[in-house]
């Protein structure tokens, strides 16, 4: 009987310990597949070089996970004013077109830097879609300025 009581006490201790571990562990948010809305609730964030605008917290969280997966630098949320300080004033003239969307309107930029610069300076949270040549959209000449 003594050994049965001892075994029961041991098992109870293990169960209590496992429950405590499960109660305090936080699941990795990057394991969740998100379907984000297009509702605009802008999140301003920066890395070491650039200001980024995200349409809403869900899209920001998704970007955080993508950056982690790609081993890119971490983003830090900041105020609009702090973000604006890191808006690029100019970009290279390389031609690597990207397609973006803003309120169901598609727009093509000469490269990702131009897209980020314009979004930041105009405070329009455009959504980066993909390289323009993949969707065969014409590139607007007014997006080729510095």
N, C-alpha and C. Protein backbone atom coordinates (compact mmCIF):
# COMPACT_ATOMS: atom_id res chain seq x y z
N UNK A 1 0.82 -1.19 0.00
CA UNK A 1 0.00 0.00 0.00
C UNK A 1 0.87 1.25 0.00
N UNK A 2 1.95 1.21 0.75
CA UNK A 2 2.85 2.37 0.84
C UNK A 2 3.39 2.76 -0.53
N UNK A 3 3.78 1.79 -1.34
CA UNK A 3 4.32 2.09 -2.66
C UNK A 3 3.24 2.63 -3.60
N UNK A 4 2.00 2.19 -3.47
CA UNK A 4 0.91 2.72 -4.28
C UNK A 4 0.65 4.18 -3.95
N UNK A 5 0.70 4.55 -2.68
CA UNK A 5 0.52 5.93 -2.27
C UNK A 5 1.66 6.79 -2.78
N UNK A 6 2.86 6.25 -2.69
CA UNK A 6 4.03 6.98 -3.18
C UNK A 6 3.92 7.18 -4.70
N UNK A 7 3.51 6.16 -5.42
CA UNK A 7 3.37 6.26 -6.88
C UNK A 7 2.28 7.26 -7.25
N UNK A 8 1.18 7.26 -6.53
CA UNK A 8 0.10 8.20 -6.77
C UNK A 8 0.58 9.63 -6.55
N UNK A 9 1.32 9.87 -5.50
CA UNK A 9 1.85 11.20 -5.21
C UNK A 9 2.79 11.65 -6.32
N UNK A 10 3.62 10.74 -6.78
CA UNK A 10 4.57 11.05 -7.84
C UNK A 10 3.82 11.43 -9.12
N UNK A 11 2.82 10.64 -9.49
CA UNK A 11 2.04 10.94 -10.70
C UNK A 11 1.30 12.26 -10.59
N UNK A 12 0.75 12.55 -9.41
CA UNK A 12 0.09 13.84 -9.22
C UNK A 12 1.07 14.99 -9.38
N UNK A 13 2.27 14.84 -8.87
CA UNK A 13 3.29 15.88 -8.99
C UNK A 13 3.65 16.11 -10.46
N UNK A 14 3.77 15.02 -11.22
CA UNK A 14 4.08 15.14 -12.65
C UNK A 14 2.95 15.86 -13.39
N UNK A 15 1.71 15.49 -13.09
CA UNK A 15 0.56 16.12 -13.75
C UNK A 15 0.49 17.61 -13.42
N UNK A 16 0.69 17.96 -12.17
CA UNK A 16 0.67 19.37 -11.77
C UNK A 16 1.78 20.14 -12.47
N UNK A 17 2.97 19.55 -12.58
CA UNK A 17 4.10 20.20 -13.25
C UNK A 17 3.80 20.40 -14.73
N UNK A 18 3.28 19.38 -15.40
CA UNK A 18 2.95 19.49 -16.82
C UNK A 18 1.87 20.54 -17.07
N UNK A 19 0.87 20.59 -16.21
CA UNK A 19 -0.16 21.62 -16.35
C UNK A 19 0.40 23.01 -16.17
N UNK A 20 1.33 23.18 -15.25
CA UNK A 20 1.95 24.48 -15.02
C UNK A 20 2.77 24.90 -16.23
N UNK A 21 3.47 23.95 -16.84
CA UNK A 21 4.26 24.26 -18.04
C UNK A 21 3.34 24.66 -19.17
N UNK A 22 2.27 23.90 -19.39
CA UNK A 22 1.33 24.22 -20.47
C UNK A 22 0.64 25.56 -20.25
N UNK A 23 0.36 25.91 -19.02
CA UNK A 23 -0.33 27.17 -18.71
C UNK A 23 0.57 28.37 -18.96
N UNK A 24 1.88 28.21 -18.83
CA UNK A 24 2.79 29.35 -18.98
C UNK A 24 3.43 29.42 -20.35
N UNK A 25 3.38 28.35 -21.14
CA UNK A 25 4.01 28.40 -22.45
C UNK A 25 3.08 29.11 -23.44
N UNK A 26 3.69 29.96 -24.26
CA UNK A 26 2.94 30.73 -25.25
C UNK A 26 3.21 30.12 -26.61
N UNK A 27 2.18 29.77 -27.37
CA UNK A 27 2.42 29.18 -28.68
C UNK A 27 3.05 30.21 -29.62
N UNK A 28 3.85 29.72 -30.54
CA UNK A 28 4.50 30.59 -31.52
C UNK A 28 3.43 31.16 -32.45
N UNK A 29 3.27 32.49 -32.48
CA UNK A 29 2.23 33.08 -33.34
C UNK A 29 2.48 32.84 -34.82
N UNK A 30 3.71 32.49 -35.18
CA UNK A 30 4.01 32.24 -36.59
C UNK A 30 3.50 30.88 -37.07
N UNK A 31 3.04 30.05 -36.15
CA UNK A 31 2.48 28.76 -36.53
C UNK A 31 1.01 28.89 -36.93
N UNK A 32 0.45 30.07 -36.73
CA UNK A 32 -0.95 30.31 -37.06
C UNK A 32 -1.04 30.83 -38.49
N UNK A 33 -1.87 30.19 -39.31
CA UNK A 33 -2.10 30.68 -40.67
C UNK A 33 -3.17 31.77 -40.60
N UNK A 34 -2.80 32.98 -41.02
CA UNK A 34 -3.71 34.12 -40.91
C UNK A 34 -4.39 34.43 -42.23
N UNK A 35 -5.62 34.81 -42.14
CA UNK A 35 -6.36 35.38 -43.27
C UNK A 35 -6.70 36.80 -42.83
N UNK A 36 -5.90 37.75 -43.27
CA UNK A 36 -6.04 39.13 -42.80
C UNK A 36 -7.09 39.89 -43.59
N UNK A 37 -7.76 40.79 -42.91
CA UNK A 37 -8.74 41.66 -43.58
C UNK A 37 -7.99 42.82 -44.24
N UNK A 38 -8.71 43.60 -45.00
CA UNK A 38 -8.12 44.79 -45.63
C UNK A 38 -8.46 46.05 -44.86
N UNK A 39 -9.05 45.90 -43.69
CA UNK A 39 -9.38 47.05 -42.85
C UNK A 39 -8.12 47.85 -42.57
N UNK A 40 -8.22 49.18 -42.68
CA UNK A 40 -7.03 50.01 -42.47
C UNK A 40 -6.95 50.49 -41.02
N UNK A 41 -5.91 50.04 -40.35
CA UNK A 41 -5.55 50.44 -38.99
C UNK A 41 -4.02 50.41 -38.98
N UNK A 42 -3.42 51.41 -39.62
CA UNK A 42 -2.00 51.40 -39.97
C UNK A 42 -1.09 51.16 -38.77
N UNK A 43 -0.13 50.26 -39.01
CA UNK A 43 0.95 50.00 -38.06
C UNK A 43 2.22 50.56 -38.70
N UNK A 44 2.92 51.42 -37.98
CA UNK A 44 4.18 52.00 -38.44
C UNK A 44 5.31 51.22 -37.80
N UNK A 45 6.28 50.81 -38.60
CA UNK A 45 7.40 50.03 -38.08
C UNK A 45 8.68 50.41 -38.82
N UNK A 46 9.80 50.17 -38.17
CA UNK A 46 11.11 50.45 -38.78
C UNK A 46 12.05 49.28 -38.53
N UNK A 47 13.01 49.15 -39.43
CA UNK A 47 14.17 48.31 -39.17
C UNK A 47 15.36 49.25 -39.12
N UNK A 48 16.53 48.77 -39.34
CA UNK A 48 17.71 49.63 -39.25
C UNK A 48 17.78 50.69 -40.35
N UNK A 49 17.04 50.49 -41.44
CA UNK A 49 17.20 51.35 -42.61
C UNK A 49 15.95 52.04 -43.12
N UNK A 50 14.79 51.55 -42.80
CA UNK A 50 13.59 51.92 -43.54
C UNK A 50 12.35 52.00 -42.67
N UNK A 51 11.41 52.83 -43.10
CA UNK A 51 10.08 52.89 -42.51
C UNK A 51 9.16 51.99 -43.33
N UNK A 52 8.29 51.26 -42.64
CA UNK A 52 7.32 50.39 -43.29
C UNK A 52 5.93 50.71 -42.76
N UNK A 53 4.96 50.74 -43.65
CA UNK A 53 3.57 50.91 -43.25
C UNK A 53 2.84 49.60 -43.53
N UNK A 54 2.11 49.12 -42.53
CA UNK A 54 1.31 47.90 -42.68
C UNK A 54 -0.14 48.28 -42.49
N UNK A 55 -0.99 47.78 -43.34
CA UNK A 55 -2.39 48.16 -43.36
C UNK A 55 -3.10 47.90 -42.02
N UNK A 56 -2.71 46.84 -41.32
CA UNK A 56 -3.33 46.53 -40.03
C UNK A 56 -2.43 45.59 -39.23
N UNK A 57 -2.73 45.38 -37.96
CA UNK A 57 -1.87 44.52 -37.13
C UNK A 57 -1.71 43.09 -37.64
N UNK A 58 -2.74 42.53 -38.25
CA UNK A 58 -2.65 41.17 -38.78
C UNK A 58 -1.59 41.09 -39.88
N UNK A 59 -1.60 42.05 -40.79
CA UNK A 59 -0.63 42.07 -41.88
C UNK A 59 0.78 42.31 -41.32
N UNK A 60 0.88 43.16 -40.30
CA UNK A 60 2.17 43.38 -39.63
C UNK A 60 2.68 42.07 -39.01
N UNK A 61 1.83 41.35 -38.30
CA UNK A 61 2.23 40.08 -37.67
C UNK A 61 2.70 39.08 -38.72
N UNK A 62 2.03 39.05 -39.85
CA UNK A 62 2.41 38.15 -40.94
C UNK A 62 3.80 38.53 -41.47
N UNK A 63 4.05 39.83 -41.61
CA UNK A 63 5.35 40.30 -42.08
C UNK A 63 6.46 39.94 -41.09
N UNK A 64 6.16 40.05 -39.81
CA UNK A 64 7.14 39.68 -38.78
C UNK A 64 7.55 38.22 -38.97
N UNK A 65 6.59 37.36 -39.19
CA UNK A 65 6.88 35.93 -39.38
C UNK A 65 7.68 35.69 -40.66
N UNK A 66 7.32 36.38 -41.74
CA UNK A 66 8.05 36.23 -43.00
C UNK A 66 9.49 36.70 -42.84
N UNK A 67 9.69 37.81 -42.14
CA UNK A 67 11.04 38.32 -41.92
C UNK A 67 11.85 37.34 -41.08
N UNK A 68 11.22 36.76 -40.07
CA UNK A 68 11.91 35.78 -39.23
C UNK A 68 12.32 34.57 -40.07
N UNK A 69 11.40 34.10 -40.90
CA UNK A 69 11.67 32.95 -41.76
C UNK A 69 12.80 33.25 -42.74
N UNK A 70 12.85 34.48 -43.26
CA UNK A 70 13.89 34.88 -44.22
C UNK A 70 15.16 35.38 -43.54
N UNK A 71 15.20 35.30 -42.21
CA UNK A 71 16.35 35.74 -41.42
C UNK A 71 16.70 37.21 -41.67
N UNK A 72 15.64 38.04 -41.81
CA UNK A 72 15.82 39.48 -41.97
C UNK A 72 15.78 40.14 -40.60
N UNK A 73 16.24 41.38 -40.54
CA UNK A 73 16.27 42.09 -39.26
C UNK A 73 14.86 42.29 -38.71
N UNK A 74 14.79 42.39 -37.40
CA UNK A 74 13.51 42.57 -36.71
C UNK A 74 12.92 43.94 -36.99
N UNK A 75 11.61 44.02 -36.98
CA UNK A 75 10.91 45.30 -37.09
C UNK A 75 10.53 45.76 -35.69
N UNK A 76 10.46 47.07 -35.53
CA UNK A 76 10.05 47.66 -34.26
C UNK A 76 8.91 48.63 -34.55
N UNK A 77 7.80 48.49 -33.84
CA UNK A 77 6.70 49.43 -34.04
C UNK A 77 7.08 50.78 -33.44
N UNK A 78 6.70 51.83 -34.15
CA UNK A 78 7.03 53.20 -33.75
C UNK A 78 5.84 54.11 -34.06
N UNK A 79 5.96 55.36 -33.66
CA UNK A 79 4.92 56.33 -34.00
C UNK A 79 5.04 56.72 -35.46
N UNK A 80 4.01 57.34 -35.97
CA UNK A 80 4.02 57.82 -37.36
C UNK A 80 5.19 58.77 -37.58
N UNK A 81 5.41 59.67 -36.63
CA UNK A 81 6.48 60.67 -36.76
C UNK A 81 7.85 60.00 -36.80
N UNK A 82 8.07 59.00 -35.92
CA UNK A 82 9.35 58.29 -35.90
C UNK A 82 9.57 57.54 -37.21
N UNK A 83 8.51 56.98 -37.74
CA UNK A 83 8.60 56.24 -39.00
C UNK A 83 8.95 57.19 -40.14
N UNK A 84 8.29 58.34 -40.18
CA UNK A 84 8.50 59.31 -41.26
C UNK A 84 9.96 59.76 -41.34
N UNK A 85 10.65 59.75 -40.20
CA UNK A 85 12.07 60.13 -40.18
C UNK A 85 12.92 59.17 -41.00
N UNK A 86 12.42 57.96 -41.21
CA UNK A 86 13.18 56.96 -41.96
C UNK A 86 12.64 56.75 -43.38
N UNK A 87 11.77 57.64 -43.85
CA UNK A 87 11.32 57.57 -45.24
C UNK A 87 12.51 57.86 -46.15
N UNK A 88 12.66 57.07 -47.17
CA UNK A 88 13.73 57.34 -48.13
C UNK A 88 13.38 58.57 -48.96
N UNK A 89 14.36 59.41 -49.21
CA UNK A 89 14.16 60.58 -50.05
C UNK A 89 14.46 60.29 -51.51
N UNK A 90 15.21 59.25 -51.75
CA UNK A 90 15.55 58.88 -53.12
C UNK A 90 15.78 57.37 -53.18
N UNK A 91 15.75 56.84 -54.39
CA UNK A 91 15.98 55.41 -54.62
C UNK A 91 16.89 55.26 -55.83
N UNK A 92 17.45 54.08 -55.97
CA UNK A 92 18.24 53.81 -57.16
C UNK A 92 17.31 53.74 -58.37
N UNK A 93 17.86 53.81 -59.54
CA UNK A 93 17.04 53.78 -60.75
C UNK A 93 16.92 52.37 -61.33
N UNK A 94 17.27 51.36 -60.54
CA UNK A 94 17.18 50.00 -61.06
C UNK A 94 15.73 49.67 -61.43
N UNK A 95 15.60 48.89 -62.48
CA UNK A 95 14.27 48.50 -62.95
C UNK A 95 13.98 47.08 -62.49
N UNK A 96 13.20 46.97 -61.43
CA UNK A 96 12.76 45.69 -60.89
C UNK A 96 11.32 45.91 -60.43
N UNK A 97 10.40 46.04 -61.40
CA UNK A 97 9.03 46.48 -61.13
C UNK A 97 8.28 45.65 -60.10
N UNK A 98 7.49 46.33 -59.30
CA UNK A 98 6.61 45.67 -58.33
C UNK A 98 5.19 46.19 -58.51
N UNK A 99 4.26 45.32 -58.24
CA UNK A 99 2.85 45.66 -58.35
C UNK A 99 2.30 45.85 -56.93
N UNK A 100 1.51 46.88 -56.74
CA UNK A 100 0.92 47.15 -55.43
C UNK A 100 -0.58 47.38 -55.58
N UNK A 101 -1.24 47.36 -54.44
CA UNK A 101 -2.69 47.59 -54.42
C UNK A 101 -3.01 48.57 -53.29
N UNK A 102 -3.91 49.50 -53.58
CA UNK A 102 -4.41 50.42 -52.56
C UNK A 102 -5.88 50.66 -52.86
N UNK A 103 -6.75 50.25 -51.93
CA UNK A 103 -8.20 50.38 -52.11
C UNK A 103 -8.67 49.87 -53.46
N UNK A 104 -8.25 48.67 -53.78
CA UNK A 104 -8.62 47.96 -55.01
C UNK A 104 -8.05 48.56 -56.28
N UNK A 105 -7.14 49.50 -56.17
CA UNK A 105 -6.51 50.10 -57.33
C UNK A 105 -5.07 49.58 -57.44
N UNK A 106 -4.74 49.00 -58.59
CA UNK A 106 -3.39 48.48 -58.80
C UNK A 106 -2.47 49.58 -59.31
N UNK A 107 -1.22 49.53 -58.86
CA UNK A 107 -0.22 50.49 -59.31
C UNK A 107 1.12 49.78 -59.38
N UNK A 108 1.92 50.13 -60.37
CA UNK A 108 3.22 49.51 -60.56
C UNK A 108 4.31 50.53 -60.30
N UNK A 109 5.35 50.11 -59.59
CA UNK A 109 6.50 50.97 -59.29
C UNK A 109 7.75 50.36 -59.90
N UNK A 110 8.72 51.20 -60.20
CA UNK A 110 9.94 50.74 -60.86
C UNK A 110 10.73 49.75 -60.02
N UNK A 111 10.65 49.87 -58.68
CA UNK A 111 11.31 48.91 -57.80
C UNK A 111 10.70 49.00 -56.40
N UNK A 112 11.09 48.09 -55.52
CA UNK A 112 10.51 48.04 -54.19
C UNK A 112 10.83 49.30 -53.38
N UNK A 113 12.00 49.87 -53.57
CA UNK A 113 12.37 51.10 -52.86
C UNK A 113 11.40 52.23 -53.20
N UNK A 114 11.09 52.38 -54.49
CA UNK A 114 10.13 53.42 -54.91
C UNK A 114 8.76 53.20 -54.28
N UNK A 115 8.35 51.95 -54.24
CA UNK A 115 7.08 51.60 -53.61
C UNK A 115 7.08 51.99 -52.13
N UNK A 116 8.11 51.61 -51.39
CA UNK A 116 8.19 51.93 -49.96
C UNK A 116 8.29 53.43 -49.73
N UNK A 117 9.09 54.11 -50.55
CA UNK A 117 9.27 55.56 -50.42
C UNK A 117 7.96 56.30 -50.63
N UNK A 118 7.25 55.96 -51.68
CA UNK A 118 5.98 56.62 -51.99
C UNK A 118 4.93 56.34 -50.91
N UNK A 119 4.85 55.11 -50.46
CA UNK A 119 3.90 54.76 -49.39
C UNK A 119 4.19 55.58 -48.15
N UNK A 120 5.45 55.66 -47.79
CA UNK A 120 5.86 56.36 -46.58
C UNK A 120 5.60 57.86 -46.69
N UNK A 121 6.02 58.45 -47.77
CA UNK A 121 5.89 59.90 -47.93
C UNK A 121 4.43 60.34 -48.06
N UNK A 122 3.60 59.51 -48.68
CA UNK A 122 2.19 59.87 -48.89
C UNK A 122 1.28 59.29 -47.83
N UNK A 123 1.84 58.55 -46.89
CA UNK A 123 1.07 57.94 -45.81
C UNK A 123 -0.08 57.09 -46.34
N UNK A 124 0.22 56.37 -47.42
CA UNK A 124 -0.75 55.45 -48.01
C UNK A 124 -0.21 54.05 -47.84
N UNK A 125 -0.96 53.24 -47.19
CA UNK A 125 -0.53 51.89 -46.89
C UNK A 125 -0.86 50.97 -48.05
N UNK A 126 -0.01 51.03 -49.05
CA UNK A 126 -0.21 50.17 -50.21
C UNK A 126 0.22 48.75 -49.86
N UNK A 127 -0.42 47.81 -50.48
CA UNK A 127 -0.11 46.41 -50.22
C UNK A 127 0.75 45.88 -51.34
N UNK A 128 1.93 45.39 -51.00
CA UNK A 128 2.88 44.86 -51.96
C UNK A 128 2.39 43.53 -52.48
N UNK A 129 2.19 43.45 -53.77
CA UNK A 129 1.65 42.22 -54.35
C UNK A 129 2.77 41.30 -54.85
N UNK A 130 3.41 41.68 -55.91
CA UNK A 130 4.45 40.84 -56.49
C UNK A 130 5.17 41.62 -57.57
N UNK A 131 6.19 41.00 -58.14
CA UNK A 131 6.92 41.65 -59.22
C UNK A 131 5.98 41.89 -60.39
N UNK A 132 6.07 43.06 -60.98
CA UNK A 132 5.14 43.44 -62.05
C UNK A 132 5.25 42.53 -63.26
N UNK A 133 6.46 42.08 -63.60
CA UNK A 133 6.57 41.24 -64.78
C UNK A 133 5.84 39.92 -64.61
N UNK A 134 5.58 39.52 -63.37
CA UNK A 134 4.85 38.29 -63.14
C UNK A 134 3.36 38.47 -63.43
N UNK A 135 2.86 39.69 -63.35
CA UNK A 135 1.45 39.92 -63.61
C UNK A 135 1.23 40.72 -64.89
N UNK A 136 2.32 41.03 -65.60
CA UNK A 136 2.25 41.71 -66.89
C UNK A 136 1.49 43.02 -66.88
N UNK A 137 1.77 43.88 -65.92
CA UNK A 137 1.16 45.19 -65.87
C UNK A 137 2.12 46.24 -66.40
N UNK A 138 1.60 47.28 -67.07
CA UNK A 138 2.48 48.34 -67.53
C UNK A 138 3.01 49.15 -66.35
N UNK A 139 4.23 49.63 -66.49
CA UNK A 139 4.85 50.45 -65.43
C UNK A 139 4.56 51.90 -65.74
N UNK A 140 4.04 52.61 -64.76
CA UNK A 140 3.72 54.02 -64.93
C UNK A 140 4.99 54.85 -64.91
N UNK A 141 5.16 55.68 -65.92
CA UNK A 141 6.37 56.49 -66.06
C UNK A 141 6.56 57.45 -64.89
N UNK A 142 5.47 57.92 -64.26
CA UNK A 142 5.60 58.87 -63.16
C UNK A 142 6.20 58.22 -61.92
N UNK A 143 6.36 56.92 -61.90
CA UNK A 143 6.98 56.23 -60.76
C UNK A 143 8.46 56.02 -60.96
N UNK A 144 9.04 56.63 -62.01
CA UNK A 144 10.45 56.49 -62.28
C UNK A 144 11.25 57.71 -61.86
N UNK A 145 10.72 58.55 -61.01
CA UNK A 145 11.43 59.74 -60.59
C UNK A 145 12.08 59.50 -59.23
N UNK A 146 13.02 60.36 -58.89
CA UNK A 146 13.67 60.22 -57.57
C UNK A 146 13.24 61.32 -56.64
